[in-house]
């Protein structure tokens, strides 16, 4: 199944590596170095009727915010993306992070992880996604969908 996946990570090499791999698997991938494009990041209610993505991969430690804080804001401000389809990527996972993720119903994946592990995680999540689901159009603030041309 073709999924819309949003990757937010301040490290370009990680963003691009994940995007290349997931694009090659047939998914529509959008990338950003921070979540500032999202109305939720600006403390505004989500105005989308449907989720804008199937899966969110977000780094925990970015200069502008923490991934768990962003997901917490999403849950408070009406984000339509399923909580268990939001994945925190982190090099260090503490018991507090695990507890926070459990409370938010999101997932944590420890860096470094293999692309095969990521593919399996995406496959597992896709079994819970209706192929006939409706998605809101990708917000213009996201910019363009990831493509090989973005690497040059």
N, C-alpha and C. Protein backbone atom coordinates (compact mmCIF):
# COMPACT_ATOMS: atom_id res chain seq x y z
N UNK A 1 0.85 -1.17 0.00
CA UNK A 1 0.00 0.00 0.00
C UNK A 1 0.90 1.24 0.00
N UNK A 2 0.54 2.20 -0.81
CA UNK A 2 1.26 3.47 -0.89
C UNK A 2 0.80 4.34 0.28
N UNK A 3 1.74 4.75 1.12
CA UNK A 3 1.43 5.58 2.28
C UNK A 3 2.02 6.97 2.12
N UNK A 4 1.43 7.94 2.79
CA UNK A 4 2.02 9.28 2.87
C UNK A 4 2.75 9.36 4.22
N UNK A 5 4.05 9.57 4.13
CA UNK A 5 4.90 9.56 5.32
C UNK A 5 5.59 10.91 5.44
N UNK A 6 5.55 11.46 6.62
CA UNK A 6 6.21 12.73 6.92
C UNK A 6 7.40 12.46 7.82
N UNK A 7 8.58 12.94 7.41
CA UNK A 7 9.80 12.79 8.19
C UNK A 7 10.26 14.17 8.65
N UNK A 8 10.43 14.32 9.96
CA UNK A 8 10.94 15.57 10.52
C UNK A 8 12.20 15.25 11.30
N UNK A 9 13.32 15.75 10.80
CA UNK A 9 14.61 15.53 11.46
C UNK A 9 15.53 16.66 11.06
N UNK A 10 16.25 17.24 12.01
CA UNK A 10 17.13 18.36 11.71
C UNK A 10 18.41 17.93 10.99
N UNK A 11 18.71 16.63 10.99
CA UNK A 11 19.90 16.15 10.29
C UNK A 11 19.53 15.72 8.87
N UNK A 12 20.02 16.48 7.91
CA UNK A 12 19.66 16.25 6.52
C UNK A 12 20.01 14.84 6.05
N UNK A 13 21.17 14.32 6.46
CA UNK A 13 21.57 12.99 6.00
C UNK A 13 20.58 11.92 6.46
N UNK A 14 20.05 12.06 7.66
CA UNK A 14 19.06 11.10 8.16
C UNK A 14 17.76 11.27 7.40
N UNK A 15 17.29 12.52 7.28
CA UNK A 15 16.05 12.80 6.54
C UNK A 15 16.11 12.21 5.15
N UNK A 16 17.19 12.53 4.43
CA UNK A 16 17.30 12.11 3.04
C UNK A 16 17.46 10.60 2.91
N UNK A 17 18.23 9.99 3.79
CA UNK A 17 18.41 8.53 3.72
C UNK A 17 17.07 7.81 3.91
N UNK A 18 16.34 8.22 4.93
CA UNK A 18 15.03 7.61 5.18
C UNK A 18 14.07 7.87 4.02
N UNK A 19 14.10 9.10 3.51
CA UNK A 19 13.20 9.46 2.41
C UNK A 19 13.52 8.67 1.15
N UNK A 20 14.79 8.52 0.83
CA UNK A 20 15.18 7.74 -0.35
C UNK A 20 14.66 6.31 -0.22
N UNK A 21 14.90 5.71 0.92
CA UNK A 21 14.50 4.33 1.13
C UNK A 21 12.98 4.18 1.04
N UNK A 22 12.26 5.03 1.74
CA UNK A 22 10.79 4.92 1.76
C UNK A 22 10.18 5.27 0.40
N UNK A 23 10.78 6.20 -0.32
CA UNK A 23 10.31 6.53 -1.67
C UNK A 23 10.53 5.34 -2.60
N UNK A 24 11.68 4.69 -2.47
CA UNK A 24 11.96 3.51 -3.29
C UNK A 24 10.98 2.37 -2.99
N UNK A 25 10.41 2.35 -1.78
CA UNK A 25 9.39 1.35 -1.44
C UNK A 25 8.01 1.73 -1.99
N UNK A 26 7.92 2.91 -2.60
CA UNK A 26 6.66 3.32 -3.23
C UNK A 26 5.81 4.29 -2.43
N UNK A 27 6.33 4.82 -1.35
CA UNK A 27 5.56 5.73 -0.51
C UNK A 27 5.75 7.18 -0.96
N UNK A 28 4.76 8.01 -0.67
CA UNK A 28 4.87 9.45 -0.87
C UNK A 28 5.49 10.02 0.40
N UNK A 29 6.65 10.62 0.28
CA UNK A 29 7.40 11.07 1.44
C UNK A 29 7.61 12.57 1.39
N UNK A 30 7.35 13.22 2.51
CA UNK A 30 7.61 14.64 2.68
C UNK A 30 8.64 14.77 3.79
N UNK A 31 9.54 15.72 3.65
CA UNK A 31 10.59 15.91 4.66
C UNK A 31 10.64 17.35 5.13
N UNK A 32 11.05 17.52 6.38
CA UNK A 32 11.23 18.86 6.93
C UNK A 32 12.29 18.79 8.02
N UNK A 33 13.01 19.89 8.19
CA UNK A 33 14.04 19.92 9.24
C UNK A 33 13.47 20.31 10.60
N UNK A 34 12.22 20.80 10.62
CA UNK A 34 11.55 21.11 11.89
C UNK A 34 10.04 21.15 11.63
N UNK A 35 9.24 21.11 12.68
CA UNK A 35 7.79 21.06 12.49
C UNK A 35 7.10 22.41 12.37
N UNK A 36 7.85 23.47 12.12
CA UNK A 36 7.25 24.81 12.13
C UNK A 36 6.17 25.01 11.06
N UNK A 37 6.13 24.18 10.04
CA UNK A 37 5.13 24.28 8.98
C UNK A 37 3.73 23.92 9.48
N UNK A 38 3.66 23.20 10.58
CA UNK A 38 2.40 22.67 11.09
C UNK A 38 1.71 23.71 11.99
N UNK A 39 0.41 23.87 11.82
CA UNK A 39 -0.32 24.82 12.65
C UNK A 39 -0.19 24.48 14.13
N UNK A 40 -0.09 23.19 14.44
CA UNK A 40 0.06 22.76 15.83
C UNK A 40 1.37 23.29 16.42
N UNK A 41 2.44 23.32 15.63
CA UNK A 41 3.72 23.83 16.11
C UNK A 41 3.62 25.31 16.45
N UNK A 42 2.63 25.97 15.86
CA UNK A 42 2.40 27.39 16.11
C UNK A 42 1.27 27.61 17.11
N UNK A 43 0.96 26.55 17.87
CA UNK A 43 -0.04 26.59 18.94
C UNK A 43 -1.46 26.89 18.44
N UNK A 44 -1.74 26.47 17.20
CA UNK A 44 -3.06 26.66 16.62
C UNK A 44 -3.75 25.30 16.46
N UNK A 45 -5.07 25.31 16.53
CA UNK A 45 -5.82 24.08 16.34
C UNK A 45 -5.62 23.55 14.93
N UNK A 46 -5.59 22.23 14.81
CA UNK A 46 -5.52 21.61 13.50
C UNK A 46 -6.88 21.82 12.81
N UNK A 47 -6.84 22.35 11.62
CA UNK A 47 -8.07 22.64 10.89
C UNK A 47 -8.36 21.61 9.80
N UNK A 48 -7.54 20.55 9.73
CA UNK A 48 -7.73 19.53 8.71
C UNK A 48 -8.95 18.67 9.06
N UNK A 49 -9.66 18.21 8.04
CA UNK A 49 -10.78 17.32 8.24
C UNK A 49 -10.30 15.89 8.43
N UNK A 50 -9.26 15.53 7.71
CA UNK A 50 -8.69 14.19 7.75
C UNK A 50 -7.20 14.31 8.09
N UNK A 51 -6.57 13.20 8.43
CA UNK A 51 -5.12 13.27 8.68
C UNK A 51 -4.40 13.77 7.43
N UNK A 52 -3.30 14.47 7.63
CA UNK A 52 -2.52 14.95 6.48
C UNK A 52 -1.44 13.95 6.11
N UNK A 53 -1.23 12.92 6.93
CA UNK A 53 -0.25 11.87 6.64
C UNK A 53 -0.73 10.57 7.28
N UNK A 54 -0.16 9.47 6.81
CA UNK A 54 -0.45 8.17 7.42
C UNK A 54 0.49 7.91 8.59
N UNK A 55 1.76 8.32 8.42
CA UNK A 55 2.78 8.04 9.42
C UNK A 55 3.69 9.26 9.57
N UNK A 56 4.04 9.55 10.81
CA UNK A 56 4.99 10.61 11.13
C UNK A 56 6.22 9.97 11.77
N UNK A 57 7.39 10.28 11.23
CA UNK A 57 8.67 9.93 11.84
C UNK A 57 9.31 11.23 12.28
N UNK A 58 9.54 11.40 13.56
CA UNK A 58 10.08 12.66 14.06
C UNK A 58 11.23 12.41 15.04
N UNK A 59 12.29 13.18 14.87
CA UNK A 59 13.44 13.09 15.76
C UNK A 59 13.06 13.64 17.13
N UNK A 60 13.59 13.05 18.18
CA UNK A 60 13.31 13.53 19.53
C UNK A 60 14.06 14.82 19.84
N UNK A 61 15.33 14.89 19.47
CA UNK A 61 16.16 16.03 19.87
C UNK A 61 16.51 16.91 18.69
N UNK A 62 15.73 17.97 18.53
CA UNK A 62 15.99 18.96 17.48
C UNK A 62 16.20 20.31 18.16
N UNK A 63 16.89 21.21 17.49
CA UNK A 63 17.15 22.52 18.11
C UNK A 63 15.88 23.30 18.46
N UNK A 64 14.84 23.15 17.67
CA UNK A 64 13.63 23.96 17.88
C UNK A 64 12.60 23.32 18.80
N UNK A 65 12.65 21.99 18.94
CA UNK A 65 11.67 21.33 19.81
C UNK A 65 12.06 19.88 20.05
N UNK A 66 11.36 19.27 20.94
CA UNK A 66 11.49 17.83 21.21
C UNK A 66 10.34 17.13 20.52
N UNK A 67 10.61 15.97 19.94
CA UNK A 67 9.57 15.22 19.24
C UNK A 67 8.38 14.90 20.11
N UNK A 68 8.63 14.46 21.35
CA UNK A 68 7.52 14.13 22.24
C UNK A 68 6.68 15.36 22.58
N UNK A 69 7.31 16.50 22.73
CA UNK A 69 6.55 17.73 23.00
C UNK A 69 5.64 18.07 21.82
N UNK A 70 6.16 17.91 20.61
CA UNK A 70 5.36 18.18 19.42
C UNK A 70 4.17 17.23 19.36
N UNK A 71 4.38 15.96 19.60
CA UNK A 71 3.28 15.00 19.57
C UNK A 71 2.27 15.29 20.67
N UNK A 72 2.74 15.72 21.84
CA UNK A 72 1.83 16.10 22.92
C UNK A 72 0.94 17.27 22.48
N UNK A 73 1.56 18.28 21.85
CA UNK A 73 0.79 19.43 21.34
C UNK A 73 -0.21 18.97 20.29
N UNK A 74 0.20 18.06 19.42
CA UNK A 74 -0.71 17.54 18.40
C UNK A 74 -1.96 16.94 19.04
N UNK A 75 -1.75 16.15 20.08
CA UNK A 75 -2.90 15.50 20.70
C UNK A 75 -3.83 16.52 21.37
N UNK A 76 -3.25 17.59 21.89
CA UNK A 76 -4.07 18.63 22.55
C UNK A 76 -4.79 19.54 21.56
N UNK A 77 -4.21 19.69 20.37
CA UNK A 77 -4.75 20.66 19.41
C UNK A 77 -5.46 20.02 18.23
N UNK A 78 -5.86 18.77 18.37
CA UNK A 78 -6.77 18.18 17.40
C UNK A 78 -6.15 17.54 16.17
N UNK A 79 -4.90 17.15 16.22
CA UNK A 79 -4.28 16.47 15.08
C UNK A 79 -5.07 15.20 14.77
N UNK A 80 -5.29 14.94 13.50
CA UNK A 80 -6.09 13.78 13.08
C UNK A 80 -5.26 12.53 12.85
N UNK A 81 -3.94 12.64 12.87
CA UNK A 81 -3.06 11.48 12.67
C UNK A 81 -3.17 10.54 13.87
N UNK A 82 -3.33 9.26 13.61
CA UNK A 82 -3.44 8.28 14.67
C UNK A 82 -2.20 8.32 15.57
N UNK A 83 -2.36 8.41 16.88
CA UNK A 83 -1.20 8.49 17.78
C UNK A 83 -0.20 7.34 17.60
N UNK A 84 -0.70 6.12 17.40
CA UNK A 84 0.22 4.99 17.28
C UNK A 84 0.94 4.96 15.93
N UNK A 85 0.60 5.90 15.05
CA UNK A 85 1.30 6.04 13.77
C UNK A 85 2.33 7.17 13.83
N UNK A 86 2.59 7.67 15.01
CA UNK A 86 3.59 8.70 15.23
C UNK A 86 4.78 8.06 15.92
N UNK A 87 5.95 8.19 15.30
CA UNK A 87 7.13 7.48 15.75
C UNK A 87 8.25 8.46 16.09
N UNK A 88 8.71 8.37 17.33
CA UNK A 88 9.84 9.17 17.79
C UNK A 88 11.12 8.40 17.47
N UNK A 89 12.08 9.09 16.87
CA UNK A 89 13.40 8.51 16.64
C UNK A 89 14.37 9.17 17.60
N UNK A 90 15.11 8.35 18.37
CA UNK A 90 16.01 8.92 19.36
C UNK A 90 17.24 8.06 19.56
N UNK A 91 18.38 8.72 19.73
CA UNK A 91 19.62 8.02 20.02
C UNK A 91 19.71 7.56 21.46
N UNK A 92 19.02 8.26 22.33
CA UNK A 92 18.99 7.86 23.75
C UNK A 92 17.54 7.79 24.20
N UNK A 93 17.19 6.65 24.73
CA UNK A 93 15.82 6.44 25.19
C UNK A 93 15.86 6.22 26.69
N UNK A 94 15.18 7.09 27.41
CA UNK A 94 15.13 6.99 28.87
C UNK A 94 13.80 6.37 29.32
N UNK A 95 13.75 5.89 30.55
CA UNK A 95 12.48 5.39 31.08
C UNK A 95 11.37 6.46 31.04
N UNK A 96 11.74 7.72 31.29
CA UNK A 96 10.74 8.81 31.22
C UNK A 96 10.18 8.95 29.81
N UNK A 97 11.05 8.85 28.80
CA UNK A 97 10.58 8.93 27.41
C UNK A 97 9.63 7.79 27.09
N UNK A 98 9.98 6.59 27.55
CA UNK A 98 9.12 5.43 27.30
C UNK A 98 7.76 5.64 27.94
N UNK A 99 7.74 6.17 29.15
CA UNK A 99 6.48 6.44 29.84
C UNK A 99 5.67 7.51 29.11
N UNK A 100 6.34 8.60 28.69
CA UNK A 100 5.66 9.66 27.95
C UNK A 100 5.06 9.12 26.65
N UNK A 101 5.84 8.31 25.94
CA UNK A 101 5.35 7.74 24.68
C UNK A 101 4.15 6.84 24.92
N UNK A 102 4.20 6.08 25.99
CA UNK A 102 3.08 5.19 26.33
C UNK A 102 1.82 6.02 26.60
N UNK A 103 1.98 7.11 27.35
CA UNK A 103 0.84 7.99 27.67
C UNK A 103 0.26 8.63 26.42
N UNK A 104 1.12 8.94 25.45
CA UNK A 104 0.68 9.57 24.20
C UNK A 104 0.27 8.55 23.14
N UNK A 105 0.47 7.28 23.42
CA UNK A 105 0.17 6.18 22.49
C UNK A 105 1.01 6.23 21.21
N UNK A 106 2.17 6.86 21.28
CA UNK A 106 3.07 6.87 20.12
C UNK A 106 4.16 5.84 20.35
N UNK A 107 5.04 5.71 19.37
CA UNK A 107 6.09 4.71 19.45
C UNK A 107 7.46 5.37 19.48
N UNK A 108 8.43 4.65 20.00
CA UNK A 108 9.82 5.11 19.99
C UNK A 108 10.66 4.05 19.29
N UNK A 109 11.54 4.51 18.42
CA UNK A 109 12.51 3.63 17.81
C UNK A 109 13.89 4.19 18.12
N UNK A 110 14.77 3.31 18.60
CA UNK A 110 16.11 3.73 19.02
C UNK A 110 17.04 3.80 17.81
N UNK A 111 17.74 4.95 17.70
CA UNK A 111 18.78 5.09 16.69
C UNK A 111 20.06 4.47 17.23
N UNK A 112 20.88 3.89 16.43
CA UNK A 112 20.64 3.64 15.01
C UNK A 112 19.72 2.44 14.84
N UNK A 113 18.92 2.48 13.80
CA UNK A 113 18.07 1.35 13.44
C UNK A 113 18.34 1.04 11.98
N UNK A 114 18.08 -0.17 11.60
CA UNK A 114 18.33 -0.57 10.21
C UNK A 114 17.14 -0.20 9.34
N UNK A 115 17.40 -0.07 8.06
CA UNK A 115 16.31 0.21 7.12
C UNK A 115 15.33 -0.95 7.08
N UNK A 116 15.83 -2.16 7.28
CA UNK A 116 14.94 -3.33 7.34
C UNK A 116 13.99 -3.22 8.55
N UNK A 117 14.51 -2.74 9.69
CA UNK A 117 13.65 -2.54 10.86
C UNK A 117 12.58 -1.49 10.56
N UNK A 118 12.99 -0.42 9.89
CA UNK A 118 12.03 0.63 9.54
C UNK A 118 10.97 0.09 8.59
N UNK A 119 11.40 -0.66 7.60
CA UNK A 119 10.45 -1.24 6.65
C UNK A 119 9.44 -2.14 7.36
N UNK A 120 9.91 -2.95 8.30
CA UNK A 120 9.01 -3.83 9.04
C UNK A 120 8.03 -3.03 9.90
N UNK A 121 8.52 -1.97 10.53
CA UNK A 121 7.65 -1.11 11.34
C UNK A 121 6.56 -0.49 10.47
N UNK A 122 6.94 0.01 9.31
CA UNK A 122 5.97 0.61 8.38
C UNK A 122 4.96 -0.44 7.91
N UNK A 123 5.44 -1.64 7.59
CA UNK A 123 4.54 -2.72 7.16
C UNK A 123 3.55 -3.05 8.27
N UNK A 124 4.05 -3.15 9.51
CA UNK A 124 3.16 -3.46 10.64
C UNK A 124 2.09 -2.38 10.80
N UNK A 125 2.49 -1.12 10.70
CA UNK A 125 1.52 -0.04 10.84
C UNK A 125 0.53 -0.03 9.68
N UNK A 126 0.99 -0.38 8.49
CA UNK A 126 0.10 -0.31 7.32
C UNK A 126 -1.05 -1.30 7.41
N UNK A 127 -0.90 -2.36 8.22
CA UNK A 127 -2.00 -3.32 8.35
C UNK A 127 -3.21 -2.69 9.05
N UNK A 128 -2.98 -1.57 9.78
CA UNK A 128 -4.06 -0.87 10.47
C UNK A 128 -4.61 0.31 9.68
N UNK A 129 -4.12 0.50 8.46
CA UNK A 129 -4.53 1.65 7.65
C UNK A 129 -5.46 1.17 6.54
N UNK A 130 -6.63 1.73 6.51
CA UNK A 130 -7.62 1.40 5.48
C UNK A 130 -7.10 1.89 4.12
N UNK A 131 -7.01 1.01 3.13
CA UNK A 131 -6.54 1.45 1.82
C UNK A 131 -7.44 2.50 1.18
N UNK A 132 -8.69 2.60 1.63
CA UNK A 132 -9.64 3.58 1.10
C UNK A 132 -9.77 4.81 2.00
N UNK A 133 -8.79 5.01 2.89
CA UNK A 133 -8.85 6.14 3.81
C UNK A 133 -8.81 7.45 3.04
N UNK A 134 -9.25 8.49 3.72
CA UNK A 134 -9.16 9.83 3.15
C UNK A 134 -8.06 10.57 3.88
N UNK A 135 -7.25 11.29 3.11
CA UNK A 135 -6.23 12.16 3.66
C UNK A 135 -6.51 13.57 3.21
N UNK A 136 -6.24 14.52 4.08
CA UNK A 136 -6.31 15.92 3.66
C UNK A 136 -5.19 16.16 2.68
N UNK A 137 -5.36 17.13 1.79
CA UNK A 137 -4.24 17.45 0.89
C UNK A 137 -3.01 17.83 1.72
N UNK A 138 -1.84 17.48 1.20
CA UNK A 138 -0.62 17.88 1.89
C UNK A 138 -0.58 19.40 1.93
N UNK A 139 -0.43 19.98 3.11
CA UNK A 139 -0.41 21.44 3.21
C UNK A 139 0.69 22.04 2.34
N UNK A 140 0.38 23.18 1.72
CA UNK A 140 1.38 23.85 0.89
C UNK A 140 2.63 24.19 1.69
N UNK A 141 2.48 24.42 2.98
CA UNK A 141 3.62 24.77 3.82
C UNK A 141 4.62 23.62 3.95
N UNK A 142 4.21 22.40 3.59
CA UNK A 142 5.14 21.27 3.62
C UNK A 142 6.18 21.40 2.53
N UNK A 143 5.87 22.13 1.49
CA UNK A 143 6.77 22.17 0.35
C UNK A 143 6.50 21.00 -0.57
N UNK A 144 7.48 20.64 -1.35
CA UNK A 144 7.31 19.58 -2.33
C UNK A 144 7.52 18.20 -1.73
N UNK A 145 6.89 17.24 -2.36
CA UNK A 145 7.11 15.85 -2.02
C UNK A 145 8.57 15.52 -2.29
N UNK A 146 9.14 14.63 -1.49
CA UNK A 146 10.54 14.27 -1.66
C UNK A 146 10.76 13.66 -3.04
N UNK A 147 11.86 14.05 -3.68
CA UNK A 147 12.25 13.45 -4.95
C UNK A 147 13.77 13.45 -5.02
N UNK A 148 14.30 12.64 -5.92
CA UNK A 148 15.74 12.57 -6.10
C UNK A 148 16.32 13.93 -6.45
N UNK A 149 15.54 14.75 -7.16
CA UNK A 149 16.02 16.07 -7.57
C UNK A 149 16.32 16.96 -6.37
N UNK A 150 15.67 16.69 -5.24
CA UNK A 150 15.91 17.52 -4.05
C UNK A 150 17.33 17.34 -3.51
N UNK A 151 17.99 16.25 -3.89
CA UNK A 151 19.33 15.96 -3.38
C UNK A 151 20.41 16.76 -4.10
N UNK A 152 20.05 17.40 -5.21
CA UNK A 152 21.07 18.13 -6.00
C UNK A 152 20.93 19.61 -5.85
